[in-house]
């Protein structure tokens, strides 16, 4: 994957693929604020007492899985 300076990429050791989510952090934060304003978020209480953040649409267990579904 050839990236560009400043783009936001979803990746990690447990992720099967890298996904270009936004061309810049500014664009990503703008998208995130729009999703929050639209009410498309959910906080889930975890068994260990922690909380996780996720989208309602698409409904996935993990935020990075939602990103993969949205930006495939």
PDB file of N, CA and C in Angstrom:
ATOM      1  N   UNK A   1       0.854  -1.173   0.000  1.00  0.00           N
ATOM      2  CA  UNK A   1       0.000   0.000   0.000  1.00  0.00           C
ATOM      3  C   UNK A   1       0.898   1.234   0.000  1.00  0.00           C
ATOM      4  N   UNK A   2       0.679   2.116  -0.921  1.00  0.00           N
ATOM      5  CA  UNK A   2       1.412   3.369  -0.993  1.00  0.00           C
ATOM      6  C   UNK A   2       0.549   4.446  -0.349  1.00  0.00           C
ATOM      7  N   UNK A   3       1.041   5.062   0.693  1.00  0.00           N
ATOM      8  CA  UNK A   3       0.271   6.085   1.385  1.00  0.00           C
ATOM      9  C   UNK A   3       0.727   7.477   1.019  1.00  0.00           C
ATOM     10  N   UNK A   4       0.040   8.442   1.600  1.00  0.00           N
ATOM     11  CA  UNK A   4       0.414   9.833   1.428  1.00  0.00           C
ATOM     12  C   UNK A   4       0.581  10.468   2.798  1.00  0.00           C
ATOM     13  N   UNK A   5       1.411  11.475   2.866  1.00  0.00           N
ATOM     14  CA  UNK A   5       1.694  12.157   4.115  1.00  0.00           C
ATOM     15  C   UNK A   5       0.399  12.684   4.737  1.00  0.00           C
ATOM     16  N   UNK A   6       0.170  12.359   6.008  1.00  0.00           N
ATOM     17  CA  UNK A   6      -0.959  12.889   6.762  1.00  0.00           C
ATOM     18  C   UNK A   6      -2.229  12.072   6.727  1.00  0.00           C
ATOM     19  N   UNK A   7      -2.301  11.070   5.860  1.00  0.00           N
ATOM     20  CA  UNK A   7      -3.542  10.305   5.795  1.00  0.00           C
ATOM     21  C   UNK A   7      -3.703   9.444   7.045  1.00  0.00           C
ATOM     22  N   UNK A   8      -4.942   9.078   7.335  1.00  0.00           N
ATOM     23  CA  UNK A   8      -5.259   8.233   8.486  1.00  0.00           C
ATOM     24  C   UNK A   8      -5.468   6.817   7.978  1.00  0.00           C
ATOM     25  N   UNK A   9      -4.711   5.881   8.553  1.00  0.00           N
ATOM     26  CA  UNK A   9      -4.780   4.481   8.144  1.00  0.00           C
ATOM     27  C   UNK A   9      -5.105   3.639   9.373  1.00  0.00           C
ATOM     28  N   UNK A  10      -6.072   2.759   9.237  1.00  0.00           N
ATOM     29  CA  UNK A  10      -6.418   1.824  10.293  1.00  0.00           C
ATOM     30  C   UNK A  10      -5.559   0.575  10.117  1.00  0.00           C
ATOM     31  N   UNK A  11      -4.741   0.288  11.132  1.00  0.00           N
ATOM     32  CA  UNK A  11      -3.927  -0.924  11.076  1.00  0.00           C
ATOM     33  C   UNK A  11      -3.498  -1.301  12.484  1.00  0.00           C
ATOM     34  N   UNK A  12      -3.032  -2.489  12.634  1.00  0.00           N
ATOM     35  CA  UNK A  12      -2.550  -2.973  13.920  1.00  0.00           C
ATOM     36  C   UNK A  12      -2.148  -4.422  13.812  1.00  0.00           C
ATOM     37  N   UNK A  13      -1.548  -4.924  14.847  1.00  0.00           N
ATOM     38  CA  UNK A  13      -1.051  -6.298  14.782  1.00  0.00           C
ATOM     39  C   UNK A  13      -2.167  -7.325  14.650  1.00  0.00           C
ATOM     40  N   UNK A  14      -3.371  -6.978  15.131  1.00  0.00           N
ATOM     41  CA  UNK A  14      -4.491  -7.914  15.040  1.00  0.00           C
ATOM     42  C   UNK A  14      -5.382  -7.660  13.825  1.00  0.00           C
ATOM     43  N   UNK A  15      -5.046  -6.656  13.033  1.00  0.00           N
ATOM     44  CA  UNK A  15      -5.859  -6.320  11.869  1.00  0.00           C
ATOM     45  C   UNK A  15      -5.340  -7.079  10.650  1.00  0.00           C
ATOM     46  N   UNK A  16      -6.263  -7.662   9.891  1.00  0.00           N
ATOM     47  CA  UNK A  16      -5.877  -8.452   8.721  1.00  0.00           C
ATOM     48  C   UNK A  16      -5.451  -7.585   7.554  1.00  0.00           C
ATOM     49  N   UNK A  17      -5.960  -6.356   7.486  1.00  0.00           N
ATOM     50  CA  UNK A  17      -5.614  -5.487   6.366  1.00  0.00           C
ATOM     51  C   UNK A  17      -5.524  -4.042   6.833  1.00  0.00           C
ATOM     52  N   UNK A  18      -4.798  -3.266   6.081  1.00  0.00           N
ATOM     53  CA  UNK A  18      -4.671  -1.835   6.352  1.00  0.00           C
ATOM     54  C   UNK A  18      -5.691  -1.105   5.497  1.00  0.00           C
ATOM     55  N   UNK A  19      -6.360  -0.110   6.086  1.00  0.00           N
ATOM     56  CA  UNK A  19      -7.418   0.597   5.385  1.00  0.00           C
ATOM     57  C   UNK A  19      -7.151   2.094   5.460  1.00  0.00           C
ATOM     58  N   UNK A  20      -7.104   2.748   4.315  1.00  0.00           N
ATOM     59  CA  UNK A  20      -6.998   4.205   4.277  1.00  0.00           C
ATOM     60  C   UNK A  20      -8.374   4.758   4.627  1.00  0.00           C
ATOM     61  N   UNK A  21      -8.461   5.400   5.780  1.00  0.00           N
ATOM     62  CA  UNK A  21      -9.733   5.883   6.298  1.00  0.00           C
ATOM     63  C   UNK A  21     -10.022   7.312   5.854  1.00  0.00           C
ATOM     64  N   UNK A  22      -9.015   8.164   5.849  1.00  0.00           N
ATOM     65  CA  UNK A  22      -9.216   9.568   5.485  1.00  0.00           C
ATOM     66  C   UNK A  22      -7.916  10.140   4.928  1.00  0.00           C
ATOM     67  N   UNK A  23      -8.022  11.139   4.051  1.00  0.00           N
ATOM     68  CA  UNK A  23      -6.819  11.724   3.465  1.00  0.00           C
ATOM     69  C   UNK A  23      -6.013  12.574   4.445  1.00  0.00           C
ATOM     70  N   UNK A  24      -6.619  12.942   5.588  1.00  0.00           N
ATOM     71  CA  UNK A  24      -5.918  13.758   6.578  1.00  0.00           C
ATOM     72  C   UNK A  24      -6.574  13.595   7.941  1.00  0.00           C
ATOM     73  N   UNK A  25      -5.857  13.963   8.979  1.00  0.00           N
ATOM     74  CA  UNK A  25      -6.438  13.923  10.325  1.00  0.00           C
ATOM     75  C   UNK A  25      -7.596  14.907  10.405  1.00  0.00           C
ATOM     76  N   UNK A  26      -7.486  16.026   9.716  1.00  0.00           N
ATOM     77  CA  UNK A  26      -8.569  17.013   9.693  1.00  0.00           C
ATOM     78  C   UNK A  26      -9.848  16.392   9.113  1.00  0.00           C
ATOM     79  N   UNK A  27      -9.731  15.682   8.014  1.00  0.00           N
ATOM     80  CA  UNK A  27     -10.886  15.030   7.401  1.00  0.00           C
ATOM     81  C   UNK A  27     -11.448  13.944   8.318  1.00  0.00           C
ATOM     82  N   UNK A  28     -10.580  13.191   8.987  1.00  0.00           N
ATOM     83  CA  UNK A  28     -11.038  12.134   9.889  1.00  0.00           C
ATOM     84  C   UNK A  28     -11.785  12.713  11.075  1.00  0.00           C
ATOM     85  N   UNK A  29     -11.242  13.757  11.688  1.00  0.00           N
ATOM     86  CA  UNK A  29     -11.905  14.385  12.835  1.00  0.00           C
ATOM     87  C   UNK A  29     -13.240  14.989  12.397  1.00  0.00           C
ATOM     88  N   UNK A  30     -13.281  15.584  11.214  1.00  0.00           N
ATOM     89  CA  UNK A  30     -14.544  16.108  10.695  1.00  0.00           C
ATOM     90  C   UNK A  30     -15.580  15.019  10.522  1.00  0.00           C
ATOM     91  N   UNK A  31     -15.169  13.875   9.975  1.00  0.00           N
ATOM     92  CA  UNK A  31     -16.079  12.734   9.824  1.00  0.00           C
ATOM     93  C   UNK A  31     -16.563  12.254  11.185  1.00  0.00           C
ATOM     94  N   UNK A  32     -15.626  12.149  12.131  1.00  0.00           N
ATOM     95  CA  UNK A  32     -15.969  11.669  13.470  1.00  0.00           C
ATOM     96  C   UNK A  32     -16.958  12.612  14.156  1.00  0.00           C
ATOM     97  N   UNK A  33     -16.736  13.910  14.043  1.00  0.00           N
ATOM     98  CA  UNK A  33     -17.661  14.884  14.640  1.00  0.00           C
ATOM     99  C   UNK A  33     -19.049  14.793  14.009  1.00  0.00           C
ATOM    100  N   UNK A  34     -19.103  14.578  12.700  1.00  0.00           N
ATOM    101  CA  UNK A  34     -20.393  14.432  12.026  1.00  0.00           C
ATOM    102  C   UNK A  34     -21.121  13.177  12.518  1.00  0.00           C
ATOM    103  N   UNK A  35     -20.387  12.083  12.704  1.00  0.00           N
ATOM    104  CA  UNK A  35     -20.993  10.847  13.222  1.00  0.00           C
ATOM    105  C   UNK A  35     -21.508  11.049  14.645  1.00  0.00           C
ATOM    106  N   UNK A  36     -20.742  11.734  15.458  1.00  0.00           N
ATOM    107  CA  UNK A  36     -21.178  12.014  16.829  1.00  0.00           C
ATOM    108  C   UNK A  36     -22.420  12.902  16.829  1.00  0.00           C
ATOM    109  N   UNK A  37     -22.431  13.944  16.004  1.00  0.00           N
ATOM    110  CA  UNK A  37     -23.581  14.850  15.917  1.00  0.00           C
ATOM    111  C   UNK A  37     -24.833  14.115  15.437  1.00  0.00           C
ATOM    112  N   UNK A  38     -24.645  13.110  14.584  1.00  0.00           N
ATOM    113  CA  UNK A  38     -25.768  12.328  14.066  1.00  0.00           C
ATOM    114  C   UNK A  38     -26.237  11.268  15.061  1.00  0.00           C
ATOM    115  N   UNK A  39     -25.531  11.120  16.168  1.00  0.00           N
ATOM    116  CA  UNK A  39     -25.913  10.117  17.165  1.00  0.00           C
ATOM    117  C   UNK A  39     -25.461   8.714  16.824  1.00  0.00           C
ATOM    118  N   UNK A  40     -24.539   8.574  15.893  1.00  0.00           N
ATOM    119  CA  UNK A  40     -24.085   7.249  15.464  1.00  0.00           C
ATOM    120  C   UNK A  40     -22.909   6.776  16.322  1.00  0.00           C
ATOM    121  N   UNK A  41     -23.181   6.587  17.606  1.00  0.00           N
ATOM    122  CA  UNK A  41     -22.145   6.072  18.492  1.00  0.00           C
ATOM    123  C   UNK A  41     -22.784   5.317  19.654  1.00  0.00           C
ATOM    124  N   UNK A  42     -21.976   4.508  20.272  1.00  0.00           N
ATOM    125  CA  UNK A  42     -22.429   3.676  21.391  1.00  0.00           C
ATOM    126  C   UNK A  42     -21.233   3.398  22.293  1.00  0.00           C
ATOM    127  N   UNK A  43     -21.430   3.516  23.590  1.00  0.00           N
ATOM    128  CA  UNK A  43     -20.420   3.120  24.564  1.00  0.00           C
ATOM    129  C   UNK A  43     -20.874   1.825  25.191  1.00  0.00           C
ATOM    130  N   UNK A  44     -20.013   0.839  25.147  1.00  0.00           N
ATOM    131  CA  UNK A  44     -20.347  -0.473  25.695  1.00  0.00           C
ATOM    132  C   UNK A  44     -19.528  -0.736  26.944  1.00  0.00           C
ATOM    133  N   UNK A  45     -20.185  -1.188  27.997  1.00  0.00           N
ATOM    134  CA  UNK A  45     -19.501  -1.565  29.228  1.00  0.00           C
ATOM    135  C   UNK A  45     -18.875  -2.942  29.037  1.00  0.00           C
ATOM    136  N   UNK A  46     -17.584  -3.040  29.262  1.00  0.00           N
ATOM    137  CA  UNK A  46     -16.872  -4.307  29.092  1.00  0.00           C
ATOM    138  C   UNK A  46     -16.865  -5.097  30.399  1.00  0.00           C
ATOM    139  N   UNK A  47     -16.593  -6.384  30.294  1.00  0.00           N
ATOM    140  CA  UNK A  47     -16.565  -7.259  31.463  1.00  0.00           C
ATOM    141  C   UNK A  47     -15.516  -6.826  32.488  1.00  0.00           C
ATOM    142  N   UNK A  48     -14.427  -6.204  32.005  1.00  0.00           N
ATOM    143  CA  UNK A  48     -13.360  -5.799  32.917  1.00  0.00           C
ATOM    144  C   UNK A  48     -13.601  -4.425  33.541  1.00  0.00           C
ATOM    145  N   UNK A  49     -14.790  -3.843  33.293  1.00  0.00           N
ATOM    146  CA  UNK A  49     -15.117  -2.547  33.855  1.00  0.00           C
ATOM    147  C   UNK A  49     -14.811  -1.383  32.931  1.00  0.00           C
ATOM    148  N   UNK A  50     -14.075  -1.650  31.869  1.00  0.00           N
ATOM    149  CA  UNK A  50     -13.761  -0.594  30.912  1.00  0.00           C
ATOM    150  C   UNK A  50     -14.937  -0.327  29.989  1.00  0.00           C
ATOM    151  N   UNK A  51     -14.790   0.679  29.172  1.00  0.00           N
ATOM    152  CA  UNK A  51     -15.808   0.997  28.178  1.00  0.00           C
ATOM    153  C   UNK A  51     -15.171   1.055  26.807  1.00  0.00           C
ATOM    154  N   UNK A  52     -15.925   0.642  25.795  1.00  0.00           N
ATOM    155  CA  UNK A  52     -15.436   0.728  24.427  1.00  0.00           C
ATOM    156  C   UNK A  52     -16.388   1.600  23.618  1.00  0.00           C
ATOM    157  N   UNK A  53     -15.824   2.272  22.621  1.00  0.00           N
ATOM    158  CA  UNK A  53     -16.573   3.169  21.751  1.00  0.00           C
ATOM    159  C   UNK A  53     -16.809   2.476  20.427  1.00  0.00           C
ATOM    160  N   UNK A  54     -18.018   2.645  19.891  1.00  0.00           N
ATOM    161  CA  UNK A  54     -18.315   2.056  18.599  1.00  0.00           C
ATOM    162  C   UNK A  54     -19.413   2.837  17.898  1.00  0.00           C
ATOM    163  N   UNK A  55     -19.609   2.524  16.641  1.00  0.00           N
ATOM    164  CA  UNK A  55     -20.692   3.123  15.866  1.00  0.00           C
ATOM    165  C   UNK A  55     -21.940   2.248  15.994  1.00  0.00           C
ATOM    166  N   UNK A  56     -23.099   2.864  15.826  1.00  0.00           N
ATOM    167  CA  UNK A  56     -24.343   2.097  15.790  1.00  0.00           C
ATOM    168  C   UNK A  56     -24.576   1.527  14.392  1.00  0.00           C
ATOM    169  N   UNK A  57     -24.179   2.278  13.377  1.00  0.00           N
ATOM    170  CA  UNK A  57     -24.320   1.872  11.981  1.00  0.00           C
ATOM    171  C   UNK A  57     -22.974   2.044  11.308  1.00  0.00           C
ATOM    172  N   UNK A  58     -22.307   1.033  10.899  1.00  0.00           N
ATOM    173  CA  UNK A  58     -22.652  -0.383  11.074  1.00  0.00           C
ATOM    174  C   UNK A  58     -22.372  -0.812  12.514  1.00  0.00           C
ATOM    175  N   UNK A  59     -23.175  -1.736  12.973  1.00  0.00           N
ATOM    176  CA  UNK A  59     -23.010  -2.226  14.336  1.00  0.00           C
ATOM    177  C   UNK A  59     -21.988  -3.352  14.332  1.00  0.00           C
ATOM    178  N   UNK A  60     -20.848  -3.073  14.935  1.00  0.00           N
ATOM    179  CA  UNK A  60     -19.766  -4.053  15.027  1.00  0.00           C
ATOM    180  C   UNK A  60     -19.298  -4.094  16.476  1.00  0.00           C
ATOM    181  N   UNK A  61     -18.561  -5.120  16.842  1.00  0.00           N
ATOM    182  CA  UNK A  61     -18.064  -5.241  18.207  1.00  0.00           C
ATOM    183  C   UNK A  61     -16.908  -4.287  18.479  1.00  0.00           C
ATOM    184  N   UNK A  62     -16.139  -3.978  17.463  1.00  0.00           N
ATOM    185  CA  UNK A  62     -14.921  -3.191  17.630  1.00  0.00           C
ATOM    186  C   UNK A  62     -14.916  -2.026  16.646  1.00  0.00           C
ATOM    187  N   UNK A  63     -14.483  -0.851  17.093  1.00  0.00           N
ATOM    188  CA  UNK A  63     -14.469   0.344  16.257  1.00  0.00           C
ATOM    189  C   UNK A  63     -13.668   0.136  14.968  1.00  0.00           C
ATOM    190  N   UNK A  64     -12.535  -0.550  15.043  1.00  0.00           N
ATOM    191  CA  UNK A  64     -11.741  -0.788  13.831  1.00  0.00           C
ATOM    192  C   UNK A  64     -12.477  -1.686  12.846  1.00  0.00           C
ATOM    193  N   UNK A  65     -13.316  -2.601  13.336  1.00  0.00           N
ATOM    194  CA  UNK A  65     -14.140  -3.419  12.442  1.00  0.00           C
ATOM    195  C   UNK A  65     -15.180  -2.559  11.728  1.00  0.00           C
ATOM    196  N   UNK A  66     -15.728  -1.575  12.438  1.00  0.00           N
ATOM    197  CA  UNK A  66     -16.673  -0.645  11.815  1.00  0.00           C
ATOM    198  C   UNK A  66     -15.987   0.166  10.741  1.00  0.00           C
ATOM    199  N   UNK A  67     -14.765   0.630  11.024  1.00  0.00           N
ATOM    200  CA  UNK A  67     -14.007   1.384  10.015  1.00  0.00           C
ATOM    201  C   UNK A  67     -13.779   0.536   8.771  1.00  0.00           C
ATOM    202  N   UNK A  68     -13.456  -0.732   8.971  1.00  0.00           N
ATOM    203  CA  UNK A  68     -13.227  -1.633   7.838  1.00  0.00           C
ATOM    204  C   UNK A  68     -14.486  -1.771   6.995  1.00  0.00           C
ATOM    205  N   UNK A  69     -15.652  -1.830   7.637  1.00  0.00           N
ATOM    206  CA  UNK A  69     -16.912  -1.961   6.906  1.00  0.00           C
ATOM    207  C   UNK A  69     -17.259  -0.657   6.184  1.00  0.00           C
ATOM    208  N   UNK A  70     -16.968   0.473   6.798  1.00  0.00           N
ATOM    209  CA  UNK A  70     -17.296   1.772   6.211  1.00  0.00           C
ATOM    210  C   UNK A  70     -16.366   2.179   5.086  1.00  0.00           C
ATOM    211  N   UNK A  71     -15.085   1.867   5.217  1.00  0.00           N
ATOM    212  CA  UNK A  71     -14.076   2.378   4.298  1.00  0.00           C
ATOM    213  C   UNK A  71     -13.350   1.251   3.563  1.00  0.00           C
ATOM    214  N   UNK A  72     -14.071   0.267   3.093  1.00  0.00           N
ATOM    215  CA  UNK A  72     -13.464  -0.865   2.390  1.00  0.00           C
ATOM    216  C   UNK A  72     -13.133  -0.560   0.967  1.00  0.00           C
TER     217      UNK A  72
END
